[in-house]
C-alpha atoms as a PDB file:
ATOM      1  CA  MET A   1       0.000   0.000   0.000  1.00  0.00           C
ATOM      2  CA  THR A   2       1.456   3.363  -0.985  1.00  0.00           C
ATOM      3  CA  ALA A   3       1.148   6.603   0.935  1.00  0.00           C
ATOM      4  CA  ARG A   4      -1.324   7.897  -1.645  1.00  0.00           C
ATOM      5  CA  GLN A   5      -3.655   4.965  -1.001  1.00  0.00           C
ATOM      6  CA  LEU A   6      -3.741   5.234   2.763  1.00  0.00           C
ATOM      7  CA  PHE A   7      -6.622   5.775   5.093  1.00  0.00           C
ATOM      8  CA  TRP A   8      -5.025   8.509   7.184  1.00  0.00           C
ATOM      9  CA  ARG A   9      -7.816   8.647   9.726  1.00  0.00           C
ATOM     10  CA  SER A  10      -9.255   5.726  11.627  1.00  0.00           C
ATOM     11  CA  GLY A  11     -12.386   4.563   9.852  1.00  0.00           C
ATOM     12  CA  GLY A  12     -11.150   5.862   6.511  1.00  0.00           C
ATOM     13  CA  ALA A  13     -12.305   9.459   6.783  1.00  0.00           C
ATOM     14  CA  PHE A  14      -9.546  10.622   4.469  1.00  0.00           C
ATOM     15  CA  VAL A  15      -8.101   8.645   1.571  1.00  0.00           C
ATOM     16  CA  PHE A  16      -5.272   9.648  -0.740  1.00  0.00           C
ATOM     17  CA  ALA A  17      -7.249   8.614  -3.808  1.00  0.00           C
ATOM     18  CA  GLY A  18      -7.056  11.028  -6.706  1.00  0.00           C
ATOM     19  CA  THR A  19      -5.398  13.628  -4.487  1.00  0.00           C
ATOM     20  CA  LEU A  20      -1.864  14.885  -4.072  1.00  0.00           C
ATOM     21  CA  LEU A  21       0.232  14.332  -0.976  1.00  0.00           C
ATOM     22  CA  GLY A  22       0.166  17.040   1.644  1.00  0.00           C
ATOM     23  CA  VAL A  23      -3.026  18.849   0.563  1.00  0.00           C
ATOM     24  CA  LEU A  24      -5.439  18.045   3.361  1.00  0.00           C
ATOM     25  CA  TYR A  25      -7.587  20.833   4.698  1.00  0.00           C
ATOM     26  CA  ALA A  26      -7.189  19.523   8.254  1.00  0.00           C
ATOM     27  CA  GLN A  27      -3.522  20.517   8.335  1.00  0.00           C
ATOM     28  CA  ARG A  28      -2.348  22.971  10.961  1.00  0.00           C
ATOM     29  CA  PRO A  29      -1.358  26.369   9.571  1.00  0.00           C
ATOM     30  CA  PHE A  30       2.307  27.169   8.997  1.00  0.00           C
ATOM     31  CA  ARG A  31       4.213  28.553  11.968  1.00  0.00           C
ATOM     32  CA  GLU A  32       7.889  29.415  12.353  1.00  0.00           C
ATOM     33  CA  TYR A  33       9.605  28.628  15.680  1.00  0.00           C
ATOM     34  CA  PRO A  34      12.742  30.108  17.285  1.00  0.00           C
ATOM     35  CA  SER A  35      15.845  28.187  16.216  1.00  0.00           C
ATOM     36  CA  VAL A  36      18.921  27.260  18.249  1.00  0.00           C
ATOM     37  CA  GLU A  37      21.089  28.313  15.294  1.00  0.00           C
ATOM     38  CA  TYR A  38      19.383  31.442  14.027  1.00  0.00           C
ATOM     39  CA  GLY A  39      18.570  34.216  16.456  1.00  0.00           C
ATOM     40  CA  GLU A  40      16.153  36.013  14.165  1.00  0.00           C
ATOM     41  CA  SER A  41      13.413  34.741  11.888  1.00  0.00           C
ATOM     42  CA  MET A  42      14.434  34.179   8.294  1.00  0.00           C
ATOM     43  CA  PRO A  43      12.607  36.115   5.577  1.00  0.00           C
ATOM     44  CA  LEU A  44       9.653  34.141   4.282  1.00  0.00           C
ATOM     45  CA  PRO A  45       9.516  33.230   0.594  1.00  0.00           C
ATOM     46  CA  ARG A  46       6.892  35.189  -1.307  1.00  0.00           C
ATOM     47  CA  ASP A  47       4.819  32.079  -1.927  1.00  0.00           C
ATOM     48  CA  TRP A  48       5.089  30.689   1.592  1.00  0.00           C
ATOM     49  CA  HIS A  49       1.289  30.455   1.917  1.00  0.00           C
ATOM     50  CA  ARG A  50       0.793  28.329  -1.227  1.00  0.00           C
ATOM     51  CA  GLN A  51      -0.108  24.670  -0.768  1.00  0.00           C
ATOM     52  CA  ALA A  52       1.767  21.992  -2.693  1.00  0.00           C
ATOM     53  CA  GLU A  53       1.950  18.227  -3.126  1.00  0.00           C
ATOM     54  CA  TRP A  54       5.020  17.811  -0.881  1.00  0.00           C
ATOM     55  CA  THR A  55       6.068  19.622   2.276  1.00  0.00           C
ATOM     56  CA  PHE A  56       9.195  19.270   4.384  1.00  0.00           C
ATOM     57  CA  ALA A  57       7.670  18.025   7.655  1.00  0.00           C
ATOM     58  CA  ARG A  58      10.107  18.372  10.574  1.00  0.00           C
ATOM     59  CA  LEU A  59       9.541  16.345  13.722  1.00  0.00           C
ATOM     60  CA  MET A  60       9.423  18.190  17.030  1.00  0.00           C
ATOM     61  CA  TYR A  61      10.579  16.142  20.022  1.00  0.00           C
ATOM     62  CA  PRO A  62      11.478  16.565  23.706  1.00  0.00           C
ATOM     63  CA  PRO A  63      15.142  16.606  24.794  1.00  0.00           C
ATOM     64  CA  GLY A  64      16.903  13.414  25.785  1.00  0.00           C
ATOM     65  CA  PRO A  65      19.733  12.852  28.301  1.00  0.00           C
ATOM     66  CA  LEU A  66      22.459  13.591  25.711  1.00  0.00           C
ATOM     67  CA  ASP A  67      20.855  16.778  24.433  1.00  0.00           C
ATOM     68  CA  GLY A  68      23.463  19.535  24.619  1.00  0.00           C
ATOM     69  CA  TYR A  69      20.749  22.197  24.706  1.00  0.00           C
ATOM     70  CA  ARG A  70      18.894  20.538  27.566  1.00  0.00           C
ATOM     71  CA  GLY A  71      18.317  23.105  30.297  1.00  0.00           C
ATOM     72  CA  ARG A  72      20.029  25.881  28.353  1.00  0.00           C
ATOM     73  CA  PHE A  73      16.744  27.608  27.581  1.00  0.00           C
ATOM     74  CA  ASP A  74      13.891  28.183  29.990  1.00  0.00           C
ATOM     75  CA  GLY A  75      11.227  27.621  27.370  1.00  0.00           C
ATOM     76  CA  ASP A  76       9.099  24.637  26.412  1.00  0.00           C
ATOM     77  CA  TRP A  77      10.533  22.373  23.655  1.00  0.00           C
ATOM     78  CA  ARG A  78       7.171  22.648  21.937  1.00  0.00           C
ATOM     79  CA  LYS A  79       7.826  26.366  21.443  1.00  0.00           C
ATOM     80  CA  GLY A  80      11.210  26.027  19.740  1.00  0.00           C
ATOM     81  CA  LEU A  81      14.742  26.782  20.965  1.00  0.00           C
ATOM     82  CA  SER A  82      15.269  23.046  21.294  1.00  0.00           C
ATOM     83  CA  LEU A  83      17.492  20.513  19.547  1.00  0.00           C
ATOM     84  CA  TRP A  84      14.841  19.597  16.999  1.00  0.00           C
ATOM     85  CA  THR A  85      15.423  23.078  15.502  1.00  0.00           C
ATOM     86  CA  GLN A  86      19.056  22.320  14.586  1.00  0.00           C
ATOM     87  CA  ASP A  87      19.698  23.536  10.984  1.00  0.00           C
ATOM     88  CA  TYR A  88      16.137  24.917  10.988  1.00  0.00           C
ATOM     89  CA  PRO A  89      14.656  26.534   8.993  1.00  0.00           C
ATOM     90  CA  ARG A  90      17.477  27.136   6.507  1.00  0.00           C
ATOM     91  CA  ALA A  91      18.061  23.461   5.717  1.00  0.00           C
ATOM     92  CA  ASP A  92      14.351  22.818   5.187  1.00  0.00           C
ATOM     93  CA  ARG A  93      13.842  25.700   2.780  1.00  0.00           C
ATOM     94  CA  SER A  94      17.101  25.173   0.940  1.00  0.00           C
ATOM     95  CA  PHE A  95      16.225  21.543   0.315  1.00  0.00           C
ATOM     96  CA  ALA A  96      12.668  22.415  -0.748  1.00  0.00           C
ATOM     97  CA  GLN A  97      14.157  24.816  -3.284  1.00  0.00           C
ATOM     98  CA  ALA A  98      16.441  22.051  -4.565  1.00  0.00           C
ATOM     99  CA  VAL A  99      13.459  19.708  -4.938  1.00  0.00           C
ATOM    100  CA  ARG A 100      11.767  22.352  -7.065  1.00  0.00           C
ATOM    101  CA  ARG A 101      14.823  22.756  -9.253  1.00  0.00           C
ATOM    102  CA  LEU A 102      15.682  19.094  -9.733  1.00  0.00           C
ATOM    103  CA  THR A 103      12.301  17.358  -9.935  1.00  0.00           C
ATOM    104  CA  ARG A 104       8.732  17.877 -11.053  1.00  0.00           C
ATOM    105  CA  VAL A 105       7.514  17.479  -7.483  1.00  0.00           C
ATOM    106  CA  ASP A 106       5.404  20.478  -6.506  1.00  0.00           C
ATOM    107  CA  ALA A 107       7.225  21.404  -3.281  1.00  0.00           C
ATOM    108  CA  ARG A 108       6.016  23.939  -0.750  1.00  0.00           C
ATOM    109  CA  SER A 109       8.604  26.636  -0.097  1.00  0.00           C
ATOM    110  CA  VAL A 110       8.316  26.520   3.697  1.00  0.00           C
ATOM    111  CA  GLU A 111       8.545  23.679   6.169  1.00  0.00           C
ATOM    112  CA  GLN A 112       6.026  22.354   8.670  1.00  0.00           C
ATOM    113  CA  ALA A 113       6.975  21.581  12.274  1.00  0.00           C
ATOM    114  CA  VAL A 114       4.958  18.581  13.488  1.00  0.00           C
ATOM    115  CA  ASN A 115       4.376  17.357  17.045  1.00  0.00           C
ATOM    116  CA  LEU A 116       3.412  13.713  17.591  1.00  0.00           C
ATOM    117  CA  ASP A 117       1.407  14.787  20.647  1.00  0.00           C
ATOM    118  CA  ASP A 118      -0.798  17.071  18.530  1.00  0.00           C
ATOM    119  CA  GLY A 119      -3.792  14.818  17.956  1.00  0.00           C
ATOM    120  CA  ASP A 120      -3.937  13.398  14.431  1.00  0.00           C
ATOM    121  CA  GLU A 121      -1.792  16.118  12.877  1.00  0.00           C
ATOM    122  CA  ILE A 122       1.066  13.763  11.993  1.00  0.00           C
ATOM    123  CA  TYR A 123      -1.158  11.838   9.569  1.00  0.00           C
ATOM    124  CA  ASN A 124      -1.373  14.871   7.301  1.00  0.00           C
ATOM    125  CA  TRP A 125       2.337  14.698   6.465  1.00  0.00           C
ATOM    126  CA  PRO A 126       3.407  11.432   4.771  1.00  0.00           C
ATOM    127  CA  TRP A 127       7.129  12.370   4.719  1.00  0.00           C
ATOM    128  CA  LEU A 128       8.776  13.189   8.047  1.00  0.00           C
ATOM    129  CA  TYR A 129      12.321  14.267   8.967  1.00  0.00           C
ATOM    130  CA  ALA A 130      14.115  14.460  12.311  1.00  0.00           C
ATOM    131  CA  VAL A 131      17.605  15.756  13.092  1.00  0.00           C
ATOM    132  CA  GLN A 132      20.043  14.542  15.778  1.00  0.00           C
ATOM    133  CA  VAL A 133      17.946  11.567  16.753  1.00  0.00           C
ATOM    134  CA  GLY A 134      20.742  10.233  18.947  1.00  0.00           C
ATOM    135  CA  GLU A 135      19.897  12.971  21.432  1.00  0.00           C
ATOM    136  CA  TRP A 136      16.106  12.991  21.349  1.00  0.00           C
ATOM    137  CA  GLY A 137      13.823  12.015  24.210  1.00  0.00           C
ATOM    138  CA  LEU A 138      11.003  10.194  22.438  1.00  0.00           C
ATOM    139  CA  THR A 139       8.261   9.318  24.937  1.00  0.00           C
ATOM    140  CA  GLU A 140       6.262   6.098  25.032  1.00  0.00           C
ATOM    141  CA  PRO A 141       3.080   7.728  23.656  1.00  0.00           C
ATOM    142  CA  GLN A 142       5.120   9.361  20.894  1.00  0.00           C
ATOM    143  CA  ALA A 143       6.719   6.016  20.036  1.00  0.00           C
ATOM    144  CA  ARG A 144       3.278   4.434  19.708  1.00  0.00           C
ATOM    145  CA  LYS A 145       2.055   7.275  17.512  1.00  0.00           C
ATOM    146  CA  LEU A 146       5.134   7.062  15.295  1.00  0.00           C
ATOM    147  CA  ARG A 147       4.615   3.305  14.925  1.00  0.00           C
ATOM    148  CA  ASP A 148       0.998   3.807  13.858  1.00  0.00           C
ATOM    149  CA  TYR A 149       1.990   6.568  11.432  1.00  0.00           C
ATOM    150  CA  LEU A 150       4.607   4.363   9.783  1.00  0.00           C
ATOM    151  CA  LEU A 151       2.394   1.286   9.561  1.00  0.00           C
ATOM    152  CA  ARG A 152      -0.209   3.413   7.789  1.00  0.00           C
ATOM    153  CA  GLY A 153       2.357   4.170   5.104  1.00  0.00           C
ATOM    154  CA  GLY A 154       4.259   7.166   6.446  1.00  0.00           C
ATOM    155  CA  PHE A 155       7.958   7.644   5.752  1.00  0.00           C
ATOM    156  CA  PHE A 156      10.502   8.778   8.354  1.00  0.00           C
ATOM    157  CA  MET A 157      14.017  10.050   7.633  1.00  0.00           C
ATOM    158  CA  ALA A 158      16.278   9.928  10.717  1.00  0.00           C
ATOM    159  CA  ASP A 159      19.435  12.011  10.310  1.00  0.00           C
ATOM    160  CA  ASP A 160      22.541  13.529  11.903  1.00  0.00           C
ATOM    161  CA  PHE A 161      23.600  11.269  14.743  1.00  0.00           C
ATOM    162  CA  HIS A 162      27.033   9.835  15.253  1.00  0.00           C
ATOM    163  CA  GLY A 163      29.062   7.324  17.200  1.00  0.00           C
ATOM    164  CA  THR A 164      28.413   4.465  19.576  1.00  0.00           C
ATOM    165  CA  VAL A 165      26.512   6.235  22.343  1.00  0.00           C
ATOM    166  CA  GLU A 166      24.140   8.166  20.087  1.00  0.00           C
ATOM    167  CA  TRP A 167      23.426   4.990  18.151  1.00  0.00           C
ATOM    168  CA  GLN A 168      22.479   3.236  21.391  1.00  0.00           C
ATOM    169  CA  VAL A 169      19.998   6.018  22.261  1.00  0.00           C
ATOM    170  CA  PHE A 170      18.412   5.899  18.822  1.00  0.00           C
ATOM    171  CA  GLU A 171      18.295   2.099  18.689  1.00  0.00           C
ATOM    172  CA  GLU A 172      16.628   1.899  22.091  1.00  0.00           C
ATOM    173  CA  SER A 173      14.022   4.424  20.975  1.00  0.00           C
ATOM    174  CA  MET A 174      13.262   2.557  17.760  1.00  0.00           C
ATOM    175  CA  LYS A 175      12.907  -0.708  19.661  1.00  0.00           C
ATOM    176  CA  ARG A 176      10.056   0.972  21.528  1.00  0.00           C
ATOM    177  CA  VAL A 177       8.563   2.038  18.199  1.00  0.00           C
ATOM    178  CA  PHE A 178       9.086  -1.388  16.573  1.00  0.00           C
ATOM    179  CA  PRO A 179      10.002  -4.093  19.087  1.00  0.00           C
ATOM    180  CA  ASP A 180       9.336  -6.697  16.389  1.00  0.00           C
ATOM    181  CA  ARG A 181      11.368  -5.181  13.527  1.00  0.00           C
ATOM    182  CA  GLN A 182      15.103  -4.988  12.997  1.00  0.00           C
ATOM    183  CA  ILE A 183      17.229  -2.078  11.822  1.00  0.00           C
ATOM    184  CA  VAL A 184      19.208  -3.361   8.835  1.00  0.00           C
ATOM    185  CA  ASP A 185      21.674  -2.001   6.305  1.00  0.00           C
ATOM    186  CA  ILE A 186      19.844  -0.999   3.121  1.00  0.00           C
ATOM    187  CA  PRO A 187      21.513  -2.800   0.198  1.00  0.00           C
ATOM    188  CA  ASP A 188      22.867  -0.750  -2.682  1.00  0.00           C
ATOM    189  CA  SER A 189      20.410  -2.498  -4.998  1.00  0.00           C
ATOM    190  CA  ASP A 190      17.329  -1.231  -3.129  1.00  0.00           C
ATOM    191  CA  ALA A 191      14.985   0.952  -5.190  1.00  0.00           C
ATOM    192  CA  ILE A 192      15.340   3.781  -2.674  1.00  0.00           C
ATOM    193  CA  PHE A 193      18.822   4.438  -4.060  1.00  0.00           C
ATOM    194  CA  HIS A 194      17.638   4.400  -7.678  1.00  0.00           C
ATOM    195  CA  THR A 195      14.317   6.270  -7.868  1.00  0.00           C
ATOM    196  CA  VAL A 196      15.777   9.425  -9.459  1.00  0.00           C
ATOM    197  CA  TYR A 197      19.540   9.141  -9.025  1.00  0.00           C
ATOM    198  CA  ASP A 198      21.578   5.955  -9.107  1.00  0.00           C
ATOM    199  CA  LEU A 199      23.468   6.285  -5.845  1.00  0.00           C
ATOM    200  CA  GLY A 200      26.185   3.682  -6.075  1.00  0.00           C
ATOM    201  CA  GLU A 201      28.848   5.614  -4.167  1.00  0.00           C
ATOM    202  CA  LYS A 202      27.516   6.859  -0.841  1.00  0.00           C
ATOM    203  CA  TYR A 203      30.293   8.386   1.230  1.00  0.00           C
ATOM    204  CA  GLN A 204      30.148  10.031   4.631  1.00  0.00           C
ATOM    205  CA  ILE A 205      28.541  13.491   4.609  1.00  0.00           C
ATOM    206  CA  VAL A 206      30.423  15.579   7.153  1.00  0.00           C
ATOM    207  CA  GLY A 207      28.788  18.420   9.063  1.00  0.00           C
ATOM    208  CA  ALA A 208      30.041  21.985   8.749  1.00  0.00           C
ATOM    209  CA  GLU A 209      31.552  22.052  12.258  1.00  0.00           C
ATOM    210  CA  HIS A 210      33.520  18.832  11.737  1.00  0.00           C
ATOM    211  CA  LEU A 211      35.140  19.330   8.350  1.00  0.00           C
ATOM    212  CA  ASP A 212      38.649  19.376   9.826  1.00  0.00           C
ATOM    213  CA  GLU A 213      38.195  16.054  11.630  1.00  0.00           C
ATOM    214  CA  GLY A 214      36.213  14.451   8.811  1.00  0.00           C
ATOM    215  CA  HIS A 215      33.804  12.851  11.298  1.00  0.00           C
ATOM    216  CA  LYS A 216      31.987  13.462  14.599  1.00  0.00           C
ATOM    217  CA  LEU A 217      32.673  11.537  17.817  1.00  0.00           C
ATOM    218  CA  ASP A 218      33.620   7.938  16.966  1.00  0.00           C
ATOM    219  CA  GLY A 219      31.402   7.916  13.904  1.00  0.00           C
ATOM    220  CA  TYR A 220      34.058   7.119  11.319  1.00  0.00           C
ATOM    221  CA  VAL A 221      32.016   5.192   8.745  1.00  0.00           C
ATOM    222  CA  ALA A 222      28.723   6.228   7.149  1.00  0.00           C
ATOM    223  CA  ARG A 223      25.948   3.641   7.419  1.00  0.00           C
ATOM    224  CA  TRP A 224      22.741   3.753   5.385  1.00  0.00           C
ATOM    225  CA  ARG A 225      20.205   1.775   7.362  1.00  0.00           C
ATOM    226  CA  GLY A 226      16.474   1.275   7.474  1.00  0.00           C
ATOM    227  CA  ILE A 227      13.410  -0.480   8.809  1.00  0.00           C
ATOM    228  CA  TYR A 228      11.159  -2.307   6.341  1.00  0.00           C
ATOM    229  CA  ASP A 229       7.437  -3.011   6.422  1.00  0.00           C
ATOM    230  CA  ASP A 230       5.848  -6.367   5.653  1.00  0.00           C
ATOM    231  CA  LYS A 231       5.964  -5.690   1.905  1.00  0.00           C
ATOM    232  CA  HIS A 232       9.677  -4.898   2.042  1.00  0.00           C
ATOM    233  CA  ARG A 233       9.140  -1.175   1.660  1.00  0.00           C
ATOM    234  CA  VAL A 234      11.545   1.106   3.489  1.00  0.00           C
ATOM    235  CA  MET A 235       9.524   3.104   6.000  1.00  0.00           C
ATOM    236  CA  VAL A 236      12.418   4.405   8.130  1.00  0.00           C
ATOM    237  CA  ALA A 237      15.557   5.623   6.330  1.00  0.00           C
ATOM    238  CA  ILE A 238      18.504   6.179   8.665  1.00  0.00           C
ATOM    239  CA  SER A 239      21.602   8.220   7.815  1.00  0.00           C
ATOM    240  CA  PHE A 240      24.009   7.265  10.602  1.00  0.00           C
ATOM    241  CA  ASN A 241      27.395   9.000  10.922  1.00  0.00           C
ATOM    242  CA  SER A 242      26.377  11.556   8.301  1.00  0.00           C
ATOM    243  CA  ASP A 243      24.881  15.041   8.542  1.00  0.00           C
ATOM    244  CA  ILE A 244      22.578  15.406   5.567  1.00  0.00           C
ATOM    245  CA  GLY A 245      20.833  18.368   7.173  1.00  0.00           C
ATOM    246  CA  ASP A 246      24.063  20.368   7.013  1.00  0.00           C
ATOM    247  CA  SER A 247      24.503  19.424   3.363  1.00  0.00           C
ATOM    248  CA  TRP A 248      21.159  21.128   2.674  1.00  0.00           C
ATOM    249  CA  GLU A 249      21.697  24.015   5.052  1.00  0.00           C
ATOM    250  CA  TRP A 250      25.062  25.007   3.552  1.00  0.00           C
ATOM    251  CA  ALA A 251      24.453  23.990  -0.067  1.00  0.00           C
ATOM    252  CA  ASP A 252      24.937  27.572  -1.279  1.00  0.00           C
ATOM    253  CA  SER A 253      27.952  28.316   0.919  1.00  0.00           C
ATOM    254  CA  PRO A 254      31.337  28.420  -0.886  1.00  0.00           C
ATOM    255  CA  GLU A 255      33.071  27.291   2.339  1.00  0.00           C
ATOM    256  CA  TYR A 256      31.134  24.024   2.503  1.00  0.00           C
ATOM    257  CA  PRO A 257      32.358  21.221   0.187  1.00  0.00           C
ATOM    258  CA  GLU A 258      30.115  20.826  -2.824  1.00  0.00           C
ATOM    259  CA  LYS A 259      30.535  17.045  -2.872  1.00  0.00           C
ATOM    260  CA  TYR A 260      28.667  16.711   0.419  1.00  0.00           C
ATOM    261  CA  SER A 261      25.734  18.843  -0.711  1.00  0.00           C
ATOM    262  CA  ALA A 262      25.643  17.053  -4.056  1.00  0.00           C
ATOM    263  CA  LEU A 263      25.181  13.670  -2.388  1.00  0.00           C
ATOM    264  CA  GLY A 264      22.932  14.981   0.390  1.00  0.00           C
ATOM    265  CA  VAL A 265      20.480  16.573  -2.013  1.00  0.00           C
ATOM    266  CA  ARG A 266      20.384  13.467  -4.203  1.00  0.00           C
ATOM    267  CA  VAL A 267      19.760  11.204  -1.237  1.00  0.00           C
ATOM    268  CA  GLY A 268      16.931  13.450  -0.054  1.00  0.00           C
ATOM    269  CA  VAL A 269      15.349  13.638  -3.508  1.00  0.00           C
ATOM    270  CA  ASN A 270      15.439   9.859  -3.822  1.00  0.00           C
ATOM    271  CA  TYR A 271      13.824   9.441  -0.414  1.00  0.00           C
ATOM    272  CA  ILE A 272      10.998  11.826  -1.291  1.00  0.00           C
ATOM    273  CA  VAL A 273      10.186  10.236  -4.636  1.00  0.00           C
ATOM    274  CA  TYR A 274      10.458   6.761  -3.121  1.00  0.00           C
ATOM    275  CA  ALA A 275       8.064   7.717  -0.323  1.00  0.00           C
ATOM    276  CA  MET A 276       5.537   9.112  -2.807  1.00  0.00           C
ATOM    277  CA  THR A 277       5.653   6.154  -5.187  1.00  0.00           C
ATOM    278  CA  HIS A 278       6.198   3.056  -3.037  1.00  0.00           C
END
């Protein structure tokens, strides 16, 4: 069952039949949150209010024990200034612009921050992204909601976490989401690496702050992993020991190596098209 064929509400109230992804009237309106990286709001694109068939949905989440921003701000994680806003919103909008340039996907120019605790809101966004998932604090109710979302056909891209300890945090969280499913390496032959671009060579994508070292923590080797559904469709795509968010965020910066952005954008494009067609 593809995302476009799903019943996104219990009882089948909404069906992606003859409609485009991401155009449900029940969606929450766009809102921009304070970012840990950018002190002021970024200028909105002129067409920020226009709906489209695909939207960059960014997962909001509470801080975990490894979160470096934990306790630094007095606010509520649901109001921004939390680790889920890393690279935000520059990475989101830069990547959406790349999707517009490189594909025929009708991409919205602004992102959507989505909270798993916000009723049924998550079911309006079939493609979901989260940054630094080795430091998140996913709760039990959120894990159950994420499981339901994925089993209904949603797609989750987990990015920017590195090394042994952060992997352990993420793995433990995903075992609560899917205690009966294994995280596996996605083979090079999988369709997810060949939907738009043939991605045979997938090297480590280094974040902007770690270019000198060439890696972060003890994350020396990039791993492209996933969780499959019963029909062998990738529903969770995991970029471990790589920082794809930075490759989008700094794609137009002359100081950031072009080779990282080139691969990061291609990986992201493949994941989107795969999610919309499988």
